[in-house]
Amino acid sequence: MGENNHVQNLRIYKNPDNFRGRSKLIVQLWWIVYGVFFKPSPQFFYGWRRFLLRAFGAKIGKKVIIRSSAQFTYPWKVEIGDYSWIGDEVVLYSLGVIKIGSNAVISQRSYLCTGSHDYLNPAFSIYEKPITVGDECWIATDVFVSPGLNIGKGAVVGARSTVINDIEEYSVNVGSPSKFIKSRRV
């Protein structure tokens, strides 16, 4: 088969310039700090984890609760508002910017994914698109949020949902793909 017949040819893959937002050295330093100081820290060391994330450029609000098993790919691309909670084994795959509002909850094992690949391009080009989670949202356990989406203020996304479209403010959404089921307002 000729080379032009490839659906994807990873030999020609290349990260875009400055894709990580920091040098390779800083990225590796973050992973060392994460593995040695962040991840093994006792559960109640919330202030310590906030300090480490801020030291690497994350914008973390007051009294944010971040569990030690949460993962931050590039903390300098993360912003979390006051009094929010980031649960156990949450992955903030922050190839792009992730903004989480105040009083928001991202429950255990949820995955906010800001990056993907162009499967139509033989170079399998990587791209990033930001995710915004509004104030007072609840992303329940084991939810996947696709790149480039906005979860509106006060919205709820039910357990094990897959979010592939924007979520309206004050709505309750469940399923894979997630669908509106009712208003959160009483």
N, C-alpha and C. Protein backbone atom coordinates (compact mmCIF):
# COMPACT_ATOMS: atom_id res chain seq x y z
N MET A 1 0.84 -1.19 0.00
CA MET A 1 0.00 0.00 0.00
C MET A 1 0.88 1.24 0.00
N GLY A 2 0.50 2.21 -0.76
CA GLY A 2 1.22 3.48 -0.78
C GLY A 2 0.97 4.27 0.49
N GLU A 3 1.89 5.17 0.80
CA GLU A 3 1.80 5.95 2.03
C GLU A 3 0.56 6.83 2.05
N ASN A 4 0.05 7.24 0.92
CA ASN A 4 -1.12 8.10 0.89
C ASN A 4 -2.41 7.37 1.23
N ASN A 5 -2.35 6.04 1.36
CA ASN A 5 -3.54 5.26 1.68
C ASN A 5 -3.76 5.11 3.18
N HIS A 6 -2.88 5.67 3.99
CA HIS A 6 -3.03 5.55 5.43
C HIS A 6 -4.22 6.35 5.94
N VAL A 7 -4.97 5.75 6.81
CA VAL A 7 -6.02 6.48 7.51
C VAL A 7 -5.36 7.37 8.55
N GLN A 8 -4.41 6.81 9.27
CA GLN A 8 -3.58 7.60 10.16
C GLN A 8 -2.16 7.05 10.11
N ASN A 9 -1.23 7.95 10.07
CA ASN A 9 0.18 7.60 9.98
C ASN A 9 0.90 8.31 11.12
N LEU A 10 1.06 7.63 12.24
CA LEU A 10 1.60 8.25 13.44
C LEU A 10 3.07 8.64 13.31
N ARG A 11 3.72 8.14 12.29
CA ARG A 11 5.11 8.53 12.04
C ARG A 11 5.21 10.02 11.73
N ILE A 12 4.15 10.61 11.19
CA ILE A 12 4.19 12.03 10.84
C ILE A 12 3.47 12.92 11.88
N TYR A 13 3.04 12.32 12.99
CA TYR A 13 2.39 13.09 14.06
C TYR A 13 3.38 14.07 14.68
N LYS A 14 2.89 15.26 15.04
CA LYS A 14 3.72 16.25 15.71
C LYS A 14 2.82 17.10 16.61
N ASN A 15 3.27 17.32 17.87
CA ASN A 15 2.54 18.23 18.74
C ASN A 15 2.67 19.65 18.21
N PRO A 16 1.62 20.45 18.26
CA PRO A 16 1.74 21.87 17.88
C PRO A 16 2.72 22.58 18.82
N ASP A 17 3.34 23.64 18.31
CA ASP A 17 4.25 24.42 19.14
C ASP A 17 3.52 24.94 20.37
N ASN A 18 4.21 24.88 21.52
CA ASN A 18 3.72 25.38 22.81
C ASN A 18 2.37 24.77 23.21
N PHE A 19 2.09 23.56 22.75
CA PHE A 19 0.82 22.92 23.04
C PHE A 19 0.60 22.72 24.54
N ARG A 20 1.66 22.39 25.25
CA ARG A 20 1.54 22.14 26.69
C ARG A 20 1.39 23.43 27.49
N GLY A 21 1.81 24.54 26.93
CA GLY A 21 1.71 25.81 27.63
C GLY A 21 2.88 26.11 28.55
N ARG A 22 3.77 25.16 28.74
CA ARG A 22 4.99 25.32 29.51
C ARG A 22 6.05 24.42 28.87
N SER A 23 7.29 24.59 29.28
CA SER A 23 8.38 23.79 28.72
C SER A 23 8.26 22.33 29.15
N LYS A 24 8.94 21.46 28.42
CA LYS A 24 8.97 20.03 28.78
C LYS A 24 9.52 19.84 30.19
N LEU A 25 10.47 20.66 30.57
CA LEU A 25 11.06 20.58 31.91
C LEU A 25 10.00 20.86 32.99
N ILE A 26 9.20 21.91 32.81
CA ILE A 26 8.16 22.24 33.78
C ILE A 26 7.10 21.14 33.82
N VAL A 27 6.75 20.61 32.66
CA VAL A 27 5.78 19.52 32.62
C VAL A 27 6.29 18.33 33.42
N GLN A 28 7.55 17.94 33.22
CA GLN A 28 8.11 16.81 33.96
C GLN A 28 8.23 17.12 35.45
N LEU A 29 8.59 18.35 35.78
CA LEU A 29 8.66 18.75 37.19
C LEU A 29 7.28 18.63 37.84
N TRP A 30 6.23 19.04 37.11
CA TRP A 30 4.89 18.89 37.66
C TRP A 30 4.59 17.43 37.95
N TRP A 31 4.90 16.53 37.02
CA TRP A 31 4.58 15.12 37.24
C TRP A 31 5.36 14.54 38.42
N ILE A 32 6.57 15.01 38.64
CA ILE A 32 7.34 14.56 39.81
C ILE A 32 6.68 15.08 41.09
N VAL A 33 6.36 16.38 41.12
CA VAL A 33 5.70 16.97 42.29
C VAL A 33 4.36 16.28 42.54
N TYR A 34 3.62 16.03 41.48
CA TYR A 34 2.32 15.35 41.62
C TYR A 34 2.52 13.96 42.25
N GLY A 35 3.48 13.19 41.74
CA GLY A 35 3.68 11.84 42.23
C GLY A 35 4.28 11.76 43.62
N VAL A 36 5.13 12.71 43.98
CA VAL A 36 5.85 12.65 45.26
C VAL A 36 5.12 13.41 46.37
N PHE A 37 4.51 14.54 46.04
CA PHE A 37 3.94 15.40 47.08
C PHE A 37 2.42 15.53 47.05
N PHE A 38 1.82 15.50 45.89
CA PHE A 38 0.38 15.72 45.77
C PHE A 38 -0.39 14.42 46.03
N LYS A 39 -0.16 13.43 45.20
CA LYS A 39 -0.95 12.19 45.25
C LYS A 39 -0.86 11.46 46.59
N PRO A 40 0.33 11.34 47.21
CA PRO A 40 0.37 10.62 48.49
C PRO A 40 -0.03 11.45 49.71
N SER A 41 -0.42 12.70 49.52
CA SER A 41 -0.77 13.54 50.67
C SER A 41 -2.04 13.03 51.34
N PRO A 42 -2.12 13.18 52.68
CA PRO A 42 -3.33 12.74 53.39
C PRO A 42 -4.57 13.47 52.88
N GLN A 43 -5.71 12.80 52.94
CA GLN A 43 -6.95 13.34 52.37
C GLN A 43 -7.24 14.75 52.87
N PHE A 44 -6.99 15.04 54.14
CA PHE A 44 -7.37 16.33 54.71
C PHE A 44 -6.36 17.45 54.43
N PHE A 45 -5.33 17.21 53.63
CA PHE A 45 -4.34 18.23 53.27
C PHE A 45 -4.81 19.07 52.07
N TYR A 46 -6.01 19.57 52.14
CA TYR A 46 -6.57 20.34 51.02
C TYR A 46 -5.76 21.60 50.74
N GLY A 47 -5.36 22.29 51.79
CA GLY A 47 -4.56 23.50 51.62
C GLY A 47 -3.23 23.23 50.94
N TRP A 48 -2.60 22.10 51.27
CA TRP A 48 -1.34 21.70 50.66
C TRP A 48 -1.50 21.48 49.16
N ARG A 49 -2.55 20.78 48.78
CA ARG A 49 -2.78 20.52 47.36
C ARG A 49 -3.13 21.80 46.61
N ARG A 50 -3.91 22.68 47.25
CA ARG A 50 -4.18 23.98 46.63
C ARG A 50 -2.88 24.74 46.41
N PHE A 51 -1.99 24.71 47.42
CA PHE A 51 -0.69 25.39 47.32
C PHE A 51 0.12 24.84 46.15
N LEU A 52 0.21 23.52 46.02
CA LEU A 52 1.00 22.91 44.94
C LEU A 52 0.44 23.30 43.57
N LEU A 53 -0.88 23.24 43.43
CA LEU A 53 -1.48 23.60 42.15
C LEU A 53 -1.24 25.07 41.82
N ARG A 54 -1.40 25.93 42.81
CA ARG A 54 -1.13 27.36 42.59
C ARG A 54 0.32 27.60 42.23
N ALA A 55 1.23 26.86 42.84
CA ALA A 55 2.66 27.01 42.55
C ALA A 55 2.96 26.71 41.08
N PHE A 56 2.12 25.90 40.45
CA PHE A 56 2.28 25.56 39.03
C PHE A 56 1.30 26.33 38.14
N GLY A 57 0.73 27.40 38.67
CA GLY A 57 -0.05 28.31 37.84
C GLY A 57 -1.55 28.12 37.82
N ALA A 58 -2.07 27.12 38.54
CA ALA A 58 -3.53 26.97 38.60
C ALA A 58 -4.13 28.13 39.37
N LYS A 59 -5.32 28.52 38.98
CA LYS A 59 -6.07 29.55 39.71
C LYS A 59 -7.11 28.81 40.55
N ILE A 60 -6.84 28.71 41.85
CA ILE A 60 -7.69 27.95 42.75
C ILE A 60 -8.29 28.90 43.78
N GLY A 61 -9.62 28.89 43.91
CA GLY A 61 -10.32 29.78 44.82
C GLY A 61 -10.19 29.37 46.28
N LYS A 62 -10.93 30.09 47.12
CA LYS A 62 -10.92 29.86 48.56
C LYS A 62 -11.60 28.54 48.91
N LYS A 63 -10.98 27.82 49.86
CA LYS A 63 -11.57 26.63 50.47
C LYS A 63 -11.99 25.55 49.48
N VAL A 64 -11.32 25.47 48.35
CA VAL A 64 -11.60 24.41 47.37
C VAL A 64 -11.11 23.08 47.95
N ILE A 65 -11.93 22.07 47.85
CA ILE A 65 -11.58 20.72 48.31
C ILE A 65 -11.17 19.90 47.10
N ILE A 66 -9.92 19.45 47.12
CA ILE A 66 -9.39 18.63 46.03
C ILE A 66 -8.83 17.36 46.65
N ARG A 67 -9.37 16.24 46.24
CA ARG A 67 -8.91 14.95 46.76
C ARG A 67 -7.54 14.61 46.18
N SER A 68 -6.78 13.84 46.93
CA SER A 68 -5.39 13.55 46.55
C SER A 68 -5.29 12.67 45.31
N SER A 69 -6.34 11.94 44.97
CA SER A 69 -6.29 11.08 43.79
C SER A 69 -6.75 11.79 42.52
N ALA A 70 -7.14 13.06 42.61
CA ALA A 70 -7.51 13.82 41.41
C ALA A 70 -6.27 14.06 40.56
N GLN A 71 -6.45 14.08 39.24
CA GLN A 71 -5.33 14.27 38.30
C GLN A 71 -5.50 15.57 37.53
N PHE A 72 -4.42 16.30 37.44
CA PHE A 72 -4.37 17.55 36.68
C PHE A 72 -3.25 17.42 35.66
N THR A 73 -3.58 17.37 34.38
CA THR A 73 -2.56 17.19 33.36
C THR A 73 -1.64 18.40 33.32
N TYR A 74 -2.18 19.58 33.11
CA TYR A 74 -1.41 20.83 33.09
C TYR A 74 -2.13 21.82 34.02
N PRO A 75 -1.70 21.91 35.28
CA PRO A 75 -2.43 22.75 36.24
C PRO A 75 -2.51 24.22 35.84
N TRP A 76 -1.55 24.72 35.07
CA TRP A 76 -1.56 26.12 34.63
C TRP A 76 -2.71 26.41 33.67
N LYS A 77 -3.44 25.38 33.25
CA LYS A 77 -4.60 25.58 32.38
C LYS A 77 -5.92 25.33 33.12
N VAL A 78 -5.87 25.36 34.47
CA VAL A 78 -7.06 25.06 35.27
C VAL A 78 -7.40 26.25 36.16
N GLU A 79 -8.70 26.54 36.23
CA GLU A 79 -9.23 27.59 37.11
C GLU A 79 -10.44 27.02 37.84
N ILE A 80 -10.42 27.11 39.18
CA ILE A 80 -11.52 26.58 40.00
C ILE A 80 -11.96 27.67 40.97
N GLY A 81 -13.26 27.96 40.98
CA GLY A 81 -13.80 29.00 41.84
C GLY A 81 -13.90 28.58 43.30
N ASP A 82 -14.27 29.54 44.14
CA ASP A 82 -14.36 29.35 45.59
C ASP A 82 -15.31 28.22 45.97
N TYR A 83 -14.93 27.48 47.00
CA TYR A 83 -15.76 26.48 47.68
C TYR A 83 -16.18 25.30 46.79
N SER A 84 -15.47 25.06 45.71
CA SER A 84 -15.80 23.92 44.86
C SER A 84 -15.12 22.66 45.35
N TRP A 85 -15.61 21.52 44.89
CA TRP A 85 -15.09 20.21 45.28
C TRP A 85 -14.66 19.44 44.04
N ILE A 86 -13.47 18.83 44.12
CA ILE A 86 -12.97 17.94 43.07
C ILE A 86 -12.77 16.58 43.72
N GLY A 87 -13.55 15.59 43.30
CA GLY A 87 -13.61 14.30 43.99
C GLY A 87 -12.49 13.34 43.66
N ASP A 88 -12.56 12.18 44.30
CA ASP A 88 -11.57 11.12 44.11
C ASP A 88 -11.51 10.66 42.67
N GLU A 89 -10.30 10.51 42.16
CA GLU A 89 -10.01 9.98 40.83
C GLU A 89 -10.62 10.80 39.69
N VAL A 90 -10.95 12.05 39.96
CA VAL A 90 -11.38 12.95 38.88
C VAL A 90 -10.17 13.23 38.01
N VAL A 91 -10.37 13.25 36.69
CA VAL A 91 -9.30 13.60 35.76
C VAL A 91 -9.67 14.91 35.08
N LEU A 92 -8.83 15.91 35.28
CA LEU A 92 -8.95 17.17 34.55
C LEU A 92 -7.87 17.12 33.48
N TYR A 93 -8.25 16.57 32.34
CA TYR A 93 -7.32 16.39 31.21
C TYR A 93 -7.21 17.73 30.51
N SER A 94 -6.38 18.58 31.09
CA SER A 94 -6.33 19.99 30.73
C SER A 94 -5.32 20.29 29.64
N LEU A 95 -5.48 19.63 28.50
CA LEU A 95 -4.69 20.02 27.33
C LEU A 95 -5.12 21.42 26.92
N GLY A 96 -6.39 21.73 27.13
CA GLY A 96 -6.93 23.07 26.96
C GLY A 96 -7.39 23.58 28.31
N VAL A 97 -7.91 24.78 28.33
CA VAL A 97 -8.33 25.42 29.57
C VAL A 97 -9.59 24.75 30.12
N ILE A 98 -9.58 24.53 31.44
CA ILE A 98 -10.77 24.06 32.15
C ILE A 98 -11.09 25.11 33.21
N LYS A 99 -12.31 25.66 33.12
CA LYS A 99 -12.78 26.64 34.10
C LYS A 99 -13.97 26.04 34.83
N ILE A 100 -13.83 25.93 36.15
CA ILE A 100 -14.89 25.40 37.00
C ILE A 100 -15.31 26.54 37.93
N GLY A 101 -16.58 26.83 37.99
CA GLY A 101 -17.08 27.94 38.79
C GLY A 101 -17.03 27.68 40.28
N SER A 102 -17.62 28.59 41.02
CA SER A 102 -17.70 28.48 42.48
C SER A 102 -18.84 27.56 42.89
N ASN A 103 -18.66 26.92 44.05
CA ASN A 103 -19.69 26.03 44.61
C ASN A 103 -20.08 24.90 43.66
N ALA A 104 -19.15 24.49 42.82
CA ALA A 104 -19.39 23.39 41.88
C ALA A 104 -18.80 22.10 42.44
N VAL A 105 -19.39 20.98 42.06
CA VAL A 105 -18.92 19.67 42.48
C VAL A 105 -18.64 18.82 41.25
N ILE A 106 -17.41 18.31 41.18
CA ILE A 106 -17.04 17.33 40.16
C ILE A 106 -16.81 16.03 40.93
N SER A 107 -17.75 15.11 40.83
CA SER A 107 -17.72 13.91 41.66
C SER A 107 -16.73 12.86 41.15
N GLN A 108 -16.49 11.88 41.98
CA GLN A 108 -15.47 10.86 41.77
C GLN A 108 -15.53 10.22 40.39
N ARG A 109 -14.34 9.99 39.87
CA ARG A 109 -14.09 9.30 38.60
C ARG A 109 -14.65 10.03 37.37
N SER A 110 -15.04 11.27 37.50
CA SER A 110 -15.45 12.02 36.31
C SER A 110 -14.22 12.44 35.51
N TYR A 111 -14.40 12.67 34.23
CA TYR A 111 -13.29 12.93 33.31
C TYR A 111 -13.67 14.11 32.43
N LEU A 112 -12.99 15.22 32.63
CA LEU A 112 -13.19 16.40 31.78
C LEU A 112 -12.06 16.42 30.77
N CYS A 113 -12.39 16.21 29.51
CA CYS A 113 -11.41 15.99 28.45
C CYS A 113 -11.40 17.16 27.47
N THR A 114 -10.33 17.96 27.49
CA THR A 114 -10.25 19.12 26.60
C THR A 114 -9.51 18.84 25.29
N GLY A 115 -9.06 17.62 25.08
CA GLY A 115 -8.29 17.35 23.87
C GLY A 115 -8.75 16.11 23.14
N SER A 116 -8.46 16.09 21.85
CA SER A 116 -8.73 14.92 21.03
C SER A 116 -7.86 15.00 19.78
N HIS A 117 -8.15 14.14 18.82
CA HIS A 117 -7.38 14.08 17.58
C HIS A 117 -8.30 14.22 16.37
N ASP A 118 -7.78 14.76 15.31
CA ASP A 118 -8.50 14.85 14.04
C ASP A 118 -8.33 13.52 13.31
N TYR A 119 -9.32 12.67 13.42
CA TYR A 119 -9.22 11.32 12.84
C TYR A 119 -9.27 11.34 11.31
N LEU A 120 -9.64 12.46 10.70
CA LEU A 120 -9.66 12.56 9.24
C LEU A 120 -8.30 12.98 8.67
N ASN A 121 -7.41 13.43 9.52
CA ASN A 121 -6.08 13.87 9.11
C ASN A 121 -5.10 12.72 9.26
N PRO A 122 -4.38 12.35 8.22
CA PRO A 122 -3.42 11.24 8.34
C PRO A 122 -2.36 11.47 9.43
N ALA A 123 -2.05 12.74 9.76
CA ALA A 123 -1.09 13.03 10.83
C ALA A 123 -1.73 12.89 12.21
N PHE A 124 -3.04 12.60 12.27
CA PHE A 124 -3.77 12.39 13.52
C PHE A 124 -3.56 13.58 14.46
N SER A 125 -3.65 14.78 13.89
CA SER A 125 -3.36 16.03 14.61
C SER A 125 -4.15 16.13 15.90
N ILE A 126 -3.47 16.58 16.94
CA ILE A 126 -4.10 16.79 18.24
C ILE A 126 -4.64 18.21 18.30
N TYR A 127 -5.73 18.38 19.03
CA TYR A 127 -6.27 19.72 19.24
C TYR A 127 -6.83 19.81 20.64
N GLU A 128 -7.05 21.05 21.08
CA GLU A 128 -7.66 21.27 22.39
C GLU A 128 -8.78 22.27 22.26
N LYS A 129 -9.81 22.08 23.09
CA LYS A 129 -10.94 23.00 23.17
C LYS A 129 -11.31 23.12 24.65
N PRO A 130 -11.57 24.34 25.11
CA PRO A 130 -11.83 24.55 26.55
C PRO A 130 -13.15 23.95 27.01
N ILE A 131 -13.21 23.69 28.30
CA ILE A 131 -14.44 23.26 28.97
C ILE A 131 -14.73 24.26 30.08
N THR A 132 -16.00 24.67 30.17
CA THR A 132 -16.42 25.55 31.24
C THR A 132 -17.55 24.87 32.01
N VAL A 133 -17.41 24.82 33.33
CA VAL A 133 -18.44 24.31 34.22
C VAL A 133 -18.87 25.49 35.08
N GLY A 134 -20.14 25.84 35.01
CA GLY A 134 -20.63 27.03 35.70
C GLY A 134 -20.69 26.89 37.21
N ASP A 135 -20.97 28.01 37.86
CA ASP A 135 -21.17 28.02 39.31
C ASP A 135 -22.32 27.07 39.67
N GLU A 136 -22.20 26.45 40.83
CA GLU A 136 -23.26 25.65 41.44
C GLU A 136 -23.67 24.42 40.62
N CYS A 137 -22.80 23.95 39.76
CA CYS A 137 -23.07 22.72 39.00
C CYS A 137 -22.71 21.50 39.83
N TRP A 138 -23.33 20.39 39.47
CA TRP A 138 -22.94 19.10 40.03
C TRP A 138 -22.76 18.13 38.87
N ILE A 139 -21.52 17.72 38.68
CA ILE A 139 -21.18 16.67 37.73
C ILE A 139 -21.06 15.41 38.58
N ALA A 140 -22.03 14.51 38.49
CA ALA A 140 -22.07 13.34 39.36
C ALA A 140 -20.98 12.33 38.97
N THR A 141 -20.96 11.21 39.63
CA THR A 141 -19.88 10.23 39.49
C THR A 141 -19.75 9.69 38.06
N ASP A 142 -18.50 9.53 37.64
CA ASP A 142 -18.15 8.81 36.41
C ASP A 142 -18.74 9.44 35.14
N VAL A 143 -18.77 10.77 35.09
CA VAL A 143 -19.29 11.49 33.92
C VAL A 143 -18.12 11.83 33.00
N PHE A 144 -18.32 11.69 31.70
CA PHE A 144 -17.34 12.11 30.70
C PHE A 144 -17.85 13.38 30.03
N VAL A 145 -17.00 14.42 30.01
CA VAL A 145 -17.35 15.68 29.35
C VAL A 145 -16.39 15.87 28.18
N SER A 146 -16.95 16.01 26.98
CA SER A 146 -16.18 16.15 25.74
C SER A 146 -15.56 17.54 25.61
N PRO A 147 -14.53 17.66 24.76
CA PRO A 147 -13.87 18.95 24.55
C PRO A 147 -14.83 20.03 24.02
N GLY A 148 -14.58 21.26 24.46
CA GLY A 148 -15.26 22.42 23.90
C GLY A 148 -16.65 22.69 24.42
N LEU A 149 -17.03 22.11 25.56
CA LEU A 149 -18.40 22.24 26.02
C LEU A 149 -18.55 23.21 27.19
N ASN A 150 -19.78 23.67 27.34
CA ASN A 150 -20.15 24.56 28.43
C ASN A 150 -21.27 23.91 29.22
N ILE A 151 -21.03 23.75 30.52
CA ILE A 151 -22.06 23.24 31.43
C ILE A 151 -22.61 24.47 32.14
N GLY A 152 -23.85 24.82 31.89
CA GLY A 152 -24.43 26.05 32.40
C GLY A 152 -24.58 26.08 33.90
N LYS A 153 -24.68 27.28 34.44
CA LYS A 153 -24.80 27.52 35.87
C LYS A 153 -25.93 26.67 36.47
N GLY A 154 -25.63 26.03 37.61
CA GLY A 154 -26.64 25.29 38.35
C GLY A 154 -27.09 23.98 37.74
N ALA A 155 -26.44 23.54 36.67
CA ALA A 155 -26.86 22.30 36.00
C ALA A 155 -26.38 21.07 36.79
N VAL A 156 -27.09 19.97 36.58
CA VAL A 156 -26.72 18.67 37.14
C VAL A 156 -26.55 17.71 35.96
N VAL A 157 -25.46 16.93 36.00
CA VAL A 157 -25.26 15.85 35.03
C VAL A 157 -25.19 14.56 35.84
N GLY A 158 -26.13 13.65 35.58
CA GLY A 158 -26.26 12.43 36.36
C GLY A 158 -25.13 11.44 36.16
N ALA A 159 -25.02 10.53 37.10
CA ALA A 159 -23.96 9.52 37.13
C ALA A 159 -23.85 8.77 35.82
N ARG A 160 -22.62 8.54 35.41
CA ARG A 160 -22.25 7.76 34.23
C ARG A 160 -22.77 8.33 32.93
N SER A 161 -23.02 9.61 32.90
CA SER A 161 -23.46 10.26 31.67
C SER A 161 -22.27 10.60 30.78
N THR A 162 -22.55 10.77 29.49
CA THR A 162 -21.56 11.22 28.52
C THR A 162 -22.08 12.52 27.92
N VAL A 163 -21.32 13.60 28.15
CA VAL A 163 -21.76 14.92 27.70
C VAL A 163 -21.08 15.23 26.38
N ILE A 164 -21.89 15.36 25.30
CA ILE A 164 -21.35 15.67 23.98
C ILE A 164 -21.92 16.97 23.41
N ASN A 165 -22.80 17.61 24.17
CA ASN A 165 -23.38 18.91 23.79
C ASN A 165 -23.41 19.80 25.02
N ASP A 166 -23.48 21.11 24.80
CA ASP A 166 -23.61 22.04 25.91
C ASP A 166 -24.82 21.69 26.77
N ILE A 167 -24.72 22.00 28.06
CA ILE A 167 -25.80 21.74 29.01
C ILE A 167 -26.38 23.09 29.45
N GLU A 168 -27.68 23.21 29.40
CA GLU A 168 -28.36 24.46 29.77
C GLU A 168 -28.29 24.72 31.28
N GLU A 169 -28.36 26.00 31.63
CA GLU A 169 -28.40 26.39 33.04
C GLU A 169 -29.57 25.72 33.75
N TYR A 170 -29.35 25.36 35.01
CA TYR A 170 -30.37 24.84 35.92
C TYR A 170 -31.16 23.66 35.34
N SER A 171 -30.48 22.84 34.55
CA SER A 171 -31.14 21.67 33.99
C SER A 171 -30.56 20.41 34.62
N VAL A 172 -31.33 19.33 34.58
CA VAL A 172 -30.87 18.02 35.03
C VAL A 172 -30.79 17.16 33.78
N ASN A 173 -29.63 16.51 33.60
CA ASN A 173 -29.34 15.76 32.38
C ASN A 173 -28.75 14.40 32.74
N VAL A 174 -29.17 13.36 32.04
CA VAL A 174 -28.64 12.02 32.29
C VAL A 174 -28.51 11.27 30.98
N GLY A 175 -27.68 10.24 31.01
CA GLY A 175 -27.60 9.31 29.89
C GLY A 175 -26.34 9.43 29.07
N SER A 176 -26.27 8.54 28.10
CA SER A 176 -25.11 8.47 27.22
C SER A 176 -25.61 8.33 25.78
N PRO A 177 -25.72 9.41 25.04
CA PRO A 177 -25.34 10.78 25.40
C PRO A 177 -26.36 11.40 26.36
N SER A 178 -25.89 12.39 27.11
CA SER A 178 -26.76 13.02 28.12
C SER A 178 -27.92 13.75 27.44
N LYS A 179 -29.06 13.69 28.10
CA LYS A 179 -30.27 14.35 27.60
C LYS A 179 -30.94 15.08 28.76
N PHE A 180 -31.55 16.21 28.44
CA PHE A 180 -32.31 16.97 29.42
C PHE A 180 -33.48 16.14 29.91
N ILE A 181 -33.69 16.10 31.26
CA ILE A 181 -34.87 15.40 31.77
C ILE A 181 -35.81 16.32 32.53
N LYS A 182 -35.24 17.38 33.17
CA LYS A 182 -36.11 18.31 33.88
C LYS A 182 -35.29 19.52 34.32
N SER A 183 -36.00 20.49 34.84
CA SER A 183 -35.36 21.68 35.38
C SER A 183 -34.93 21.40 36.82
N ARG A 184 -33.83 22.03 37.22
CA ARG A 184 -33.39 21.89 38.61
C ARG A 184 -34.12 22.89 39.52
N ARG A 185 -34.67 23.91 38.95
CA ARG A 185 -35.36 24.93 39.75
C ARG A 185 -36.65 24.37 40.32
N VAL A 186 -36.93 24.77 41.55
CA VAL A 186 -38.17 24.30 42.21
C VAL A 186 -39.20 25.40 42.30
